[in-house]
Amino acid sequence: MRWRSAAYSATMAGVPQTPTTISINLVRPDSDVGSRILRDYYDDIVSRYHGRRATSAELDAVLLDEPSDDLVPPHGYFWAATDGTTPVGCAGLRLLPDALGEVTRVFVAGTARRQGIASRLLTGLEEVARSRGLSRLRLDTRHDLVEARRLYTGHGYVEVEPFNTSPYAEHWFAKPLD
């Protein structure tokens, strides 16, 4: 089931459009679109991590080990970018105590990259974070996700001291939202 929030619709209006038919909607991670794009996301990062194509069993295991069920209100949000009915990207926002938000699951499929989709997802996510009263966003990523690190620094995120002990985190970023 797909759903949108009024705040999301309003805040995404000012985000530059890509020259494609890409639409971005707030969805549940366990929806058909959400499940498909999360599997693609994990296929990409698990394959990169192992230096080979991820197996179906590995993807099933990581989907169980790294649930996204908290990326729904009131704990968070999850957006999917689609080209028609094909999911091509996603981004999640986890709402944490003390006006802090955590950016997670930012991904664009290889066939849809270099069209500004990741920037649209991140810019819209930041607008929603501001509208929810968050004052700072943080995220972590791996060293091999060079495109992600470039995206984050291009959007004003700066490297900070580690804030978790995830075995998959090698770079930690934060951005004030004032």
N, C-alpha and C. Protein backbone atom coordinates (compact mmCIF):
# COMPACT_ATOMS: atom_id res chain seq x y z
N MET A 1 0.83 -1.18 0.00
CA MET A 1 0.00 0.00 0.00
C MET A 1 0.88 1.24 0.00
N ARG A 2 0.62 2.17 -0.91
CA ARG A 2 1.39 3.41 -1.00
C ARG A 2 0.68 4.50 -0.22
N TRP A 3 1.46 5.40 0.36
CA TRP A 3 0.85 6.50 1.08
C TRP A 3 1.74 7.71 0.99
N ARG A 4 1.14 8.88 1.12
CA ARG A 4 1.85 10.15 1.09
C ARG A 4 1.40 10.97 2.28
N SER A 5 2.24 11.84 2.73
CA SER A 5 1.82 12.78 3.77
C SER A 5 1.72 14.16 3.15
N ALA A 6 0.84 14.98 3.68
CA ALA A 6 0.68 16.33 3.16
C ALA A 6 1.98 17.12 3.28
N ALA A 7 2.68 16.94 4.40
CA ALA A 7 3.95 17.66 4.59
C ALA A 7 4.96 17.23 3.54
N TYR A 8 4.99 15.96 3.22
CA TYR A 8 5.92 15.46 2.21
C TYR A 8 5.60 16.07 0.86
N SER A 9 4.33 16.07 0.47
CA SER A 9 3.93 16.61 -0.83
C SER A 9 4.34 18.07 -0.95
N ALA A 10 4.09 18.83 0.11
CA ALA A 10 4.40 20.25 0.07
C ALA A 10 5.90 20.49 0.01
N THR A 11 6.68 19.74 0.77
CA THR A 11 8.11 20.02 0.82
C THR A 11 8.82 19.55 -0.43
N MET A 12 8.31 18.55 -1.11
CA MET A 12 8.98 18.06 -2.31
C MET A 12 8.69 18.97 -3.52
N ALA A 13 7.74 19.89 -3.41
CA ALA A 13 7.38 20.73 -4.53
C ALA A 13 8.55 21.59 -5.00
N GLY A 14 9.41 22.02 -4.08
CA GLY A 14 10.52 22.88 -4.46
C GLY A 14 11.77 22.14 -4.89
N VAL A 15 11.75 20.82 -4.86
CA VAL A 15 12.92 20.04 -5.23
C VAL A 15 13.02 19.96 -6.74
N PRO A 16 14.20 20.22 -7.32
CA PRO A 16 14.33 20.18 -8.78
C PRO A 16 13.88 18.84 -9.35
N GLN A 17 13.19 18.91 -10.45
CA GLN A 17 12.71 17.70 -11.13
C GLN A 17 13.80 17.16 -12.04
N THR A 18 13.82 15.86 -12.22
CA THR A 18 14.75 15.25 -13.16
C THR A 18 14.07 15.19 -14.52
N PRO A 19 14.82 15.03 -15.59
CA PRO A 19 14.22 15.02 -16.92
C PRO A 19 13.55 13.69 -17.25
N THR A 20 13.32 12.86 -16.27
CA THR A 20 12.69 11.57 -16.50
C THR A 20 11.30 11.56 -15.90
N THR A 21 10.71 10.41 -15.87
CA THR A 21 9.37 10.27 -15.30
C THR A 21 9.44 9.79 -13.86
N ILE A 22 10.48 10.12 -13.15
CA ILE A 22 10.68 9.66 -11.78
C ILE A 22 9.71 10.36 -10.85
N SER A 23 9.04 9.57 -10.02
CA SER A 23 8.22 10.15 -8.96
C SER A 23 8.73 9.61 -7.63
N ILE A 24 8.59 10.42 -6.60
CA ILE A 24 9.04 10.05 -5.26
C ILE A 24 7.83 10.08 -4.34
N ASN A 25 7.60 8.97 -3.66
CA ASN A 25 6.46 8.85 -2.76
C ASN A 25 6.87 8.23 -1.44
N LEU A 26 6.19 8.65 -0.41
CA LEU A 26 6.34 8.04 0.89
C LEU A 26 5.64 6.69 0.83
N VAL A 27 6.36 5.62 1.20
CA VAL A 27 5.80 4.27 1.16
C VAL A 27 6.16 3.53 2.43
N ARG A 28 5.49 2.47 2.68
CA ARG A 28 5.86 1.58 3.78
C ARG A 28 6.99 0.67 3.29
N PRO A 29 8.00 0.42 4.12
CA PRO A 29 9.07 -0.48 3.72
C PRO A 29 8.58 -1.88 3.38
N ASP A 30 7.47 -2.31 3.98
CA ASP A 30 6.96 -3.65 3.71
C ASP A 30 5.94 -3.69 2.57
N SER A 31 5.73 -2.58 1.88
CA SER A 31 4.86 -2.56 0.71
C SER A 31 5.58 -3.26 -0.45
N ASP A 32 4.88 -3.52 -1.51
CA ASP A 32 5.50 -4.15 -2.68
C ASP A 32 6.67 -3.32 -3.20
N VAL A 33 6.44 -2.02 -3.41
CA VAL A 33 7.50 -1.14 -3.91
C VAL A 33 8.62 -1.05 -2.89
N GLY A 34 8.28 -0.86 -1.61
CA GLY A 34 9.30 -0.76 -0.57
C GLY A 34 10.15 -2.01 -0.46
N SER A 35 9.52 -3.16 -0.47
CA SER A 35 10.24 -4.43 -0.38
C SER A 35 11.17 -4.64 -1.57
N ARG A 36 10.67 -4.28 -2.76
CA ARG A 36 11.49 -4.47 -3.97
C ARG A 36 12.72 -3.58 -3.97
N ILE A 37 12.55 -2.31 -3.59
CA ILE A 37 13.71 -1.41 -3.63
C ILE A 37 14.68 -1.71 -2.49
N LEU A 38 14.18 -2.14 -1.35
CA LEU A 38 15.10 -2.53 -0.27
C LEU A 38 15.91 -3.75 -0.66
N ARG A 39 15.30 -4.69 -1.34
CA ARG A 39 16.07 -5.86 -1.80
C ARG A 39 17.14 -5.43 -2.80
N ASP A 40 16.81 -4.51 -3.70
CA ASP A 40 17.79 -3.99 -4.65
C ASP A 40 18.92 -3.26 -3.92
N TYR A 41 18.55 -2.47 -2.91
CA TYR A 41 19.53 -1.74 -2.11
C TYR A 41 20.53 -2.71 -1.48
N TYR A 42 20.00 -3.72 -0.81
CA TYR A 42 20.88 -4.69 -0.16
C TYR A 42 21.66 -5.52 -1.15
N ASP A 43 21.08 -5.82 -2.28
CA ASP A 43 21.81 -6.55 -3.32
C ASP A 43 23.04 -5.75 -3.72
N ASP A 44 22.88 -4.44 -3.89
CA ASP A 44 23.99 -3.58 -4.28
C ASP A 44 25.06 -3.53 -3.19
N ILE A 45 24.68 -3.23 -1.96
CA ILE A 45 25.72 -3.03 -0.94
C ILE A 45 26.34 -4.34 -0.47
N VAL A 46 25.57 -5.42 -0.43
CA VAL A 46 26.14 -6.72 -0.04
C VAL A 46 27.07 -7.22 -1.14
N SER A 47 26.68 -7.05 -2.39
CA SER A 47 27.54 -7.46 -3.51
C SER A 47 28.86 -6.68 -3.50
N ARG A 48 28.78 -5.38 -3.26
CA ARG A 48 30.01 -4.58 -3.18
C ARG A 48 30.89 -5.04 -2.03
N TYR A 49 30.27 -5.30 -0.90
CA TYR A 49 31.01 -5.72 0.29
C TYR A 49 31.79 -7.00 0.03
N HIS A 50 31.13 -7.97 -0.60
CA HIS A 50 31.77 -9.27 -0.85
C HIS A 50 32.60 -9.29 -2.14
N GLY A 51 32.46 -8.28 -2.98
CA GLY A 51 33.19 -8.26 -4.24
C GLY A 51 32.68 -9.29 -5.25
N ARG A 52 31.43 -9.70 -5.06
CA ARG A 52 30.78 -10.65 -5.96
C ARG A 52 29.28 -10.48 -5.80
N ARG A 53 28.55 -11.06 -6.69
CA ARG A 53 27.08 -10.96 -6.62
C ARG A 53 26.57 -11.64 -5.35
N ALA A 54 25.70 -10.95 -4.62
CA ALA A 54 25.10 -11.51 -3.40
C ALA A 54 24.15 -12.64 -3.77
N THR A 55 24.12 -13.65 -2.95
CA THR A 55 23.19 -14.76 -3.19
C THR A 55 21.82 -14.39 -2.61
N SER A 56 20.83 -15.10 -3.06
CA SER A 56 19.47 -14.89 -2.56
C SER A 56 19.41 -15.14 -1.06
N ALA A 57 20.11 -16.17 -0.59
CA ALA A 57 20.13 -16.49 0.84
C ALA A 57 20.78 -15.36 1.65
N GLU A 58 21.85 -14.76 1.12
CA GLU A 58 22.49 -13.64 1.81
C GLU A 58 21.54 -12.45 1.90
N LEU A 59 20.81 -12.19 0.81
CA LEU A 59 19.86 -11.08 0.83
C LEU A 59 18.73 -11.33 1.82
N ASP A 60 18.22 -12.56 1.83
CA ASP A 60 17.17 -12.90 2.80
C ASP A 60 17.67 -12.69 4.23
N ALA A 61 18.91 -13.09 4.49
CA ALA A 61 19.48 -12.96 5.83
C ALA A 61 19.65 -11.50 6.23
N VAL A 62 20.18 -10.67 5.33
CA VAL A 62 20.40 -9.26 5.69
C VAL A 62 19.07 -8.53 5.85
N LEU A 63 18.06 -8.90 5.10
CA LEU A 63 16.75 -8.27 5.27
C LEU A 63 16.15 -8.61 6.64
N LEU A 64 16.46 -9.79 7.15
CA LEU A 64 16.02 -10.15 8.50
C LEU A 64 16.87 -9.47 9.58
N ASP A 65 18.18 -9.41 9.33
CA ASP A 65 19.11 -8.83 10.32
C ASP A 65 19.03 -7.31 10.40
N GLU A 66 18.64 -6.67 9.31
CA GLU A 66 18.61 -5.21 9.24
C GLU A 66 17.19 -4.74 8.88
N PRO A 67 16.22 -4.93 9.76
CA PRO A 67 14.85 -4.57 9.43
C PRO A 67 14.67 -3.07 9.22
N SER A 68 13.69 -2.73 8.42
CA SER A 68 13.37 -1.32 8.16
C SER A 68 12.00 -0.97 8.69
N ASP A 69 11.49 -1.81 9.58
CA ASP A 69 10.12 -1.64 10.07
C ASP A 69 9.93 -0.40 10.93
N ASP A 70 11.01 0.25 11.35
CA ASP A 70 10.88 1.48 12.12
C ASP A 70 10.82 2.72 11.22
N LEU A 71 10.89 2.54 9.93
CA LEU A 71 10.85 3.67 9.00
C LEU A 71 9.42 4.00 8.58
N VAL A 72 8.55 4.01 9.57
CA VAL A 72 7.14 4.40 9.39
C VAL A 72 6.78 5.31 10.56
N PRO A 73 5.87 6.26 10.32
CA PRO A 73 5.45 7.13 11.43
C PRO A 73 4.91 6.31 12.59
N PRO A 74 5.15 6.68 13.79
CA PRO A 74 5.78 7.92 14.23
C PRO A 74 7.30 7.82 14.42
N HIS A 75 7.90 6.73 14.03
CA HIS A 75 9.34 6.51 14.27
C HIS A 75 10.23 6.91 13.10
N GLY A 76 9.66 7.04 11.90
CA GLY A 76 10.47 7.38 10.75
C GLY A 76 9.66 7.43 9.48
N TYR A 77 10.38 7.57 8.38
CA TYR A 77 9.77 7.67 7.05
C TYR A 77 10.62 6.90 6.04
N PHE A 78 9.97 6.46 4.98
CA PHE A 78 10.69 5.77 3.91
C PHE A 78 10.10 6.21 2.57
N TRP A 79 10.98 6.67 1.69
CA TRP A 79 10.56 7.13 0.37
C TRP A 79 11.09 6.19 -0.70
N ALA A 80 10.30 6.01 -1.73
CA ALA A 80 10.73 5.23 -2.89
C ALA A 80 10.61 6.11 -4.13
N ALA A 81 11.63 6.09 -4.94
CA ALA A 81 11.60 6.75 -6.25
C ALA A 81 11.25 5.67 -7.26
N THR A 82 10.30 5.98 -8.12
CA THR A 82 9.89 5.01 -9.14
C THR A 82 9.90 5.66 -10.51
N ASP A 83 10.17 4.85 -11.49
CA ASP A 83 10.05 5.24 -12.90
C ASP A 83 8.88 4.43 -13.42
N GLY A 84 7.71 5.04 -13.46
CA GLY A 84 6.50 4.28 -13.74
C GLY A 84 6.20 3.40 -12.53
N THR A 85 6.21 2.10 -12.75
CA THR A 85 5.98 1.17 -11.63
C THR A 85 7.27 0.50 -11.15
N THR A 86 8.39 0.88 -11.74
CA THR A 86 9.68 0.28 -11.39
C THR A 86 10.38 1.09 -10.31
N PRO A 87 10.63 0.49 -9.14
CA PRO A 87 11.38 1.20 -8.10
C PRO A 87 12.83 1.39 -8.54
N VAL A 88 13.34 2.62 -8.40
CA VAL A 88 14.71 2.92 -8.81
C VAL A 88 15.54 3.59 -7.72
N GLY A 89 14.93 3.88 -6.57
CA GLY A 89 15.69 4.52 -5.51
C GLY A 89 14.91 4.57 -4.22
N CYS A 90 15.62 4.89 -3.14
CA CYS A 90 14.96 4.99 -1.84
C CYS A 90 15.81 5.81 -0.88
N ALA A 91 15.15 6.21 0.21
CA ALA A 91 15.83 6.89 1.30
C ALA A 91 14.95 6.76 2.54
N GLY A 92 15.59 6.63 3.69
CA GLY A 92 14.85 6.53 4.95
C GLY A 92 15.32 7.56 5.94
N LEU A 93 14.41 7.93 6.83
CA LEU A 93 14.70 8.86 7.91
C LEU A 93 14.20 8.23 9.20
N ARG A 94 15.10 8.02 10.12
CA ARG A 94 14.77 7.48 11.44
C ARG A 94 14.73 8.65 12.42
N LEU A 95 13.62 8.79 13.15
CA LEU A 95 13.48 9.87 14.13
C LEU A 95 14.02 9.40 15.47
N LEU A 96 14.99 10.14 15.99
CA LEU A 96 15.66 9.78 17.24
C LEU A 96 15.37 10.85 18.30
N PRO A 97 15.67 10.57 19.56
CA PRO A 97 15.46 11.58 20.62
C PRO A 97 16.32 12.82 20.39
N ASP A 98 15.98 13.87 21.11
CA ASP A 98 16.76 15.11 21.14
C ASP A 98 16.84 15.81 19.78
N ALA A 99 15.75 15.78 19.02
CA ALA A 99 15.66 16.48 17.72
C ALA A 99 16.71 16.01 16.73
N LEU A 100 17.07 14.74 16.81
CA LEU A 100 18.07 14.14 15.94
C LEU A 100 17.40 13.19 14.97
N GLY A 101 17.87 13.17 13.74
CA GLY A 101 17.38 12.23 12.74
C GLY A 101 18.54 11.46 12.15
N GLU A 102 18.26 10.23 11.73
CA GLU A 102 19.29 9.40 11.10
C GLU A 102 18.87 9.08 9.68
N VAL A 103 19.72 9.44 8.75
CA VAL A 103 19.51 9.16 7.33
C VAL A 103 19.98 7.73 7.07
N THR A 104 19.16 6.96 6.37
CA THR A 104 19.50 5.57 6.12
C THR A 104 18.92 5.09 4.80
N ARG A 105 19.46 4.02 4.27
CA ARG A 105 18.93 3.35 3.08
C ARG A 105 18.86 4.26 1.85
N VAL A 106 19.82 5.20 1.70
CA VAL A 106 19.84 6.05 0.51
C VAL A 106 20.46 5.23 -0.62
N PHE A 107 19.70 5.11 -1.70
CA PHE A 107 20.13 4.24 -2.80
C PHE A 107 19.44 4.65 -4.08
N VAL A 108 20.18 4.54 -5.20
CA VAL A 108 19.62 4.67 -6.53
C VAL A 108 20.18 3.53 -7.36
N ALA A 109 19.30 2.83 -8.05
CA ALA A 109 19.71 1.70 -8.89
C ALA A 109 20.68 2.17 -9.97
N GLY A 110 21.60 1.30 -10.33
CA GLY A 110 22.62 1.62 -11.32
C GLY A 110 22.06 2.18 -12.62
N THR A 111 20.94 1.66 -13.06
CA THR A 111 20.33 2.10 -14.31
C THR A 111 19.71 3.49 -14.22
N ALA A 112 19.56 4.02 -13.02
CA ALA A 112 18.91 5.32 -12.84
C ALA A 112 19.85 6.37 -12.25
N ARG A 113 21.12 6.05 -12.11
CA ARG A 113 22.05 6.99 -11.51
C ARG A 113 22.38 8.15 -12.45
N ARG A 114 22.91 9.21 -11.85
CA ARG A 114 23.36 10.41 -12.56
C ARG A 114 22.20 11.19 -13.18
N GLN A 115 21.04 11.09 -12.52
CA GLN A 115 19.87 11.85 -12.95
C GLN A 115 19.38 12.79 -11.86
N GLY A 116 20.10 12.88 -10.75
CA GLY A 116 19.72 13.76 -9.66
C GLY A 116 18.71 13.15 -8.70
N ILE A 117 18.45 11.86 -8.82
CA ILE A 117 17.45 11.21 -7.97
C ILE A 117 17.90 11.19 -6.52
N ALA A 118 19.14 10.84 -6.27
CA ALA A 118 19.63 10.80 -4.88
C ALA A 118 19.56 12.18 -4.24
N SER A 119 19.90 13.22 -4.99
CA SER A 119 19.80 14.58 -4.46
C SER A 119 18.36 14.94 -4.15
N ARG A 120 17.44 14.57 -5.01
CA ARG A 120 16.02 14.84 -4.75
C ARG A 120 15.56 14.12 -3.49
N LEU A 121 15.96 12.85 -3.34
CA LEU A 121 15.58 12.09 -2.15
C LEU A 121 16.14 12.75 -0.89
N LEU A 122 17.42 13.10 -0.91
CA LEU A 122 18.06 13.67 0.27
C LEU A 122 17.51 15.06 0.60
N THR A 123 17.31 15.89 -0.41
CA THR A 123 16.76 17.23 -0.19
C THR A 123 15.35 17.15 0.39
N GLY A 124 14.52 16.28 -0.15
CA GLY A 124 13.17 16.11 0.37
C GLY A 124 13.16 15.57 1.78
N LEU A 125 14.03 14.62 2.05
CA LEU A 125 14.16 14.05 3.40
C LEU A 125 14.54 15.14 4.39
N GLU A 126 15.49 16.01 4.02
CA GLU A 126 15.92 17.09 4.90
C GLU A 126 14.78 18.06 5.17
N GLU A 127 13.97 18.36 4.16
CA GLU A 127 12.83 19.27 4.35
C GLU A 127 11.82 18.67 5.32
N VAL A 128 11.55 17.39 5.18
CA VAL A 128 10.63 16.74 6.11
C VAL A 128 11.22 16.75 7.52
N ALA A 129 12.52 16.50 7.63
CA ALA A 129 13.18 16.53 8.94
C ALA A 129 13.01 17.90 9.59
N ARG A 130 13.22 18.96 8.83
CA ARG A 130 13.03 20.32 9.36
C ARG A 130 11.59 20.53 9.80
N SER A 131 10.66 20.08 8.96
CA SER A 131 9.24 20.29 9.28
C SER A 131 8.81 19.52 10.53
N ARG A 132 9.57 18.49 10.89
CA ARG A 132 9.28 17.71 12.09
C ARG A 132 10.06 18.21 13.30
N GLY A 133 10.77 19.33 13.13
CA GLY A 133 11.47 19.95 14.26
C GLY A 133 12.84 19.37 14.55
N LEU A 134 13.40 18.58 13.63
CA LEU A 134 14.74 18.04 13.87
C LEU A 134 15.77 19.14 13.66
N SER A 135 16.82 19.13 14.46
CA SER A 135 17.85 20.15 14.35
C SER A 135 19.14 19.62 13.75
N ARG A 136 19.26 18.29 13.68
CA ARG A 136 20.51 17.71 13.15
C ARG A 136 20.22 16.34 12.56
N LEU A 137 20.93 16.03 11.49
CA LEU A 137 20.87 14.71 10.88
C LEU A 137 22.24 14.06 10.97
N ARG A 138 22.24 12.75 11.05
CA ARG A 138 23.50 12.01 11.04
C ARG A 138 23.32 10.76 10.18
N LEU A 139 24.45 10.17 9.81
CA LEU A 139 24.43 8.93 9.03
C LEU A 139 25.80 8.29 9.09
N ASP A 140 25.83 7.02 8.71
CA ASP A 140 27.12 6.35 8.57
C ASP A 140 27.14 5.64 7.23
N THR A 141 28.34 5.37 6.75
CA THR A 141 28.50 4.68 5.48
C THR A 141 29.85 3.97 5.45
N ARG A 142 30.05 3.20 4.40
CA ARG A 142 31.30 2.44 4.25
C ARG A 142 32.27 3.17 3.33
N HIS A 143 33.54 2.78 3.39
CA HIS A 143 34.56 3.43 2.56
C HIS A 143 34.36 3.16 1.07
N ASP A 144 33.81 2.00 0.71
CA ASP A 144 33.66 1.67 -0.71
C ASP A 144 32.45 2.34 -1.35
N LEU A 145 31.60 2.98 -0.57
CA LEU A 145 30.43 3.66 -1.12
C LEU A 145 30.80 5.12 -1.42
N VAL A 146 31.72 5.26 -2.38
CA VAL A 146 32.29 6.55 -2.73
C VAL A 146 31.22 7.54 -3.20
N GLU A 147 30.28 7.05 -4.01
CA GLU A 147 29.23 7.94 -4.52
C GLU A 147 28.40 8.51 -3.37
N ALA A 148 28.13 7.68 -2.37
CA ALA A 148 27.34 8.13 -1.22
C ALA A 148 28.11 9.20 -0.46
N ARG A 149 29.37 9.00 -0.22
CA ARG A 149 30.16 9.99 0.51
C ARG A 149 30.20 11.31 -0.24
N ARG A 150 30.32 11.24 -1.56
CA ARG A 150 30.32 12.45 -2.38
C ARG A 150 28.97 13.17 -2.31
N LEU A 151 27.88 12.41 -2.34
CA LEU A 151 26.54 12.98 -2.22
C LEU A 151 26.40 13.72 -0.89
N TYR A 152 26.79 13.07 0.19
CA TYR A 152 26.62 13.66 1.51
C TYR A 152 27.46 14.92 1.68
N THR A 153 28.72 14.89 1.30
CA THR A 153 29.54 16.09 1.44
C THR A 153 29.02 17.21 0.53
N GLY A 154 28.52 16.87 -0.63
CA GLY A 154 27.94 17.86 -1.54
C GLY A 154 26.69 18.51 -0.98
N HIS A 155 26.04 17.84 -0.03
CA HIS A 155 24.84 18.38 0.61
C HIS A 155 25.13 18.97 1.99
N GLY A 156 26.42 19.19 2.29
CA GLY A 156 26.77 19.88 3.53
C GLY A 156 27.01 19.01 4.75
N TYR A 157 27.04 17.70 4.57
CA TYR A 157 27.35 16.81 5.69
C TYR A 157 28.86 16.82 5.89
N VAL A 158 29.28 16.78 7.15
CA VAL A 158 30.72 16.75 7.45
C VAL A 158 31.02 15.51 8.27
N GLU A 159 32.23 15.01 8.09
CA GLU A 159 32.63 13.82 8.86
C GLU A 159 32.75 14.18 10.33
N VAL A 160 32.28 13.27 11.17
CA VAL A 160 32.30 13.44 12.62
C VAL A 160 32.89 12.19 13.26
N GLU A 161 33.08 12.26 14.55
CA GLU A 161 33.55 11.10 15.31
C GLU A 161 32.51 9.98 15.23
N PRO A 162 32.95 8.73 15.30
CA PRO A 162 31.99 7.61 15.26
C PRO A 162 30.93 7.74 16.35
N PHE A 163 29.68 7.45 15.98
CA PHE A 163 28.59 7.47 16.95
C PHE A 163 27.94 6.11 17.11
N ASN A 164 28.50 5.09 16.47
CA ASN A 164 28.02 3.73 16.66
C ASN A 164 29.18 2.77 16.45
N THR A 165 28.93 1.50 16.69
CA THR A 165 29.97 0.48 16.53
C THR A 165 29.61 -0.53 15.45
N SER A 166 28.80 -0.10 14.48
CA SER A 166 28.41 -1.00 13.39
C SER A 166 29.66 -1.50 12.67
N PRO A 167 29.73 -2.81 12.42
CA PRO A 167 30.89 -3.33 11.71
C PRO A 167 30.93 -2.87 10.24
N TYR A 168 29.84 -2.30 9.75
CA TYR A 168 29.77 -1.85 8.37
C TYR A 168 29.93 -0.34 8.24
N ALA A 169 30.14 0.36 9.32
CA ALA A 169 30.32 1.80 9.29
C ALA A 169 31.81 2.14 9.36
N GLU A 170 32.25 2.96 8.42
CA GLU A 170 33.64 3.40 8.40
C GLU A 170 33.77 4.91 8.30
N HIS A 171 32.67 5.57 7.96
CA HIS A 171 32.62 7.02 7.90
C HIS A 171 31.31 7.46 8.53
N TRP A 172 31.38 8.49 9.37
CA TRP A 172 30.21 9.02 10.06
C TRP A 172 30.08 10.49 9.68
N PHE A 173 28.86 10.90 9.38
CA PHE A 173 28.60 12.27 8.94
C PHE A 173 27.47 12.88 9.76
N ALA A 174 27.46 14.21 9.82
CA ALA A 174 26.36 14.92 10.47
C ALA A 174 26.15 16.25 9.75
N LYS A 175 24.93 16.79 9.91
CA LYS A 175 24.59 18.06 9.31
C LYS A 175 23.59 18.77 10.21
N PRO A 176 23.89 20.03 10.61
CA PRO A 176 22.87 20.80 11.34
C PRO A 176 21.80 21.26 10.36
N LEU A 177 20.58 21.38 10.86
CA LEU A 177 19.47 21.76 9.98
C LEU A 177 18.97 23.19 10.25
N ASP A 178 19.82 24.09 10.75
CA ASP A 178 19.30 25.43 11.01
C ASP A 178 19.20 26.23 9.76
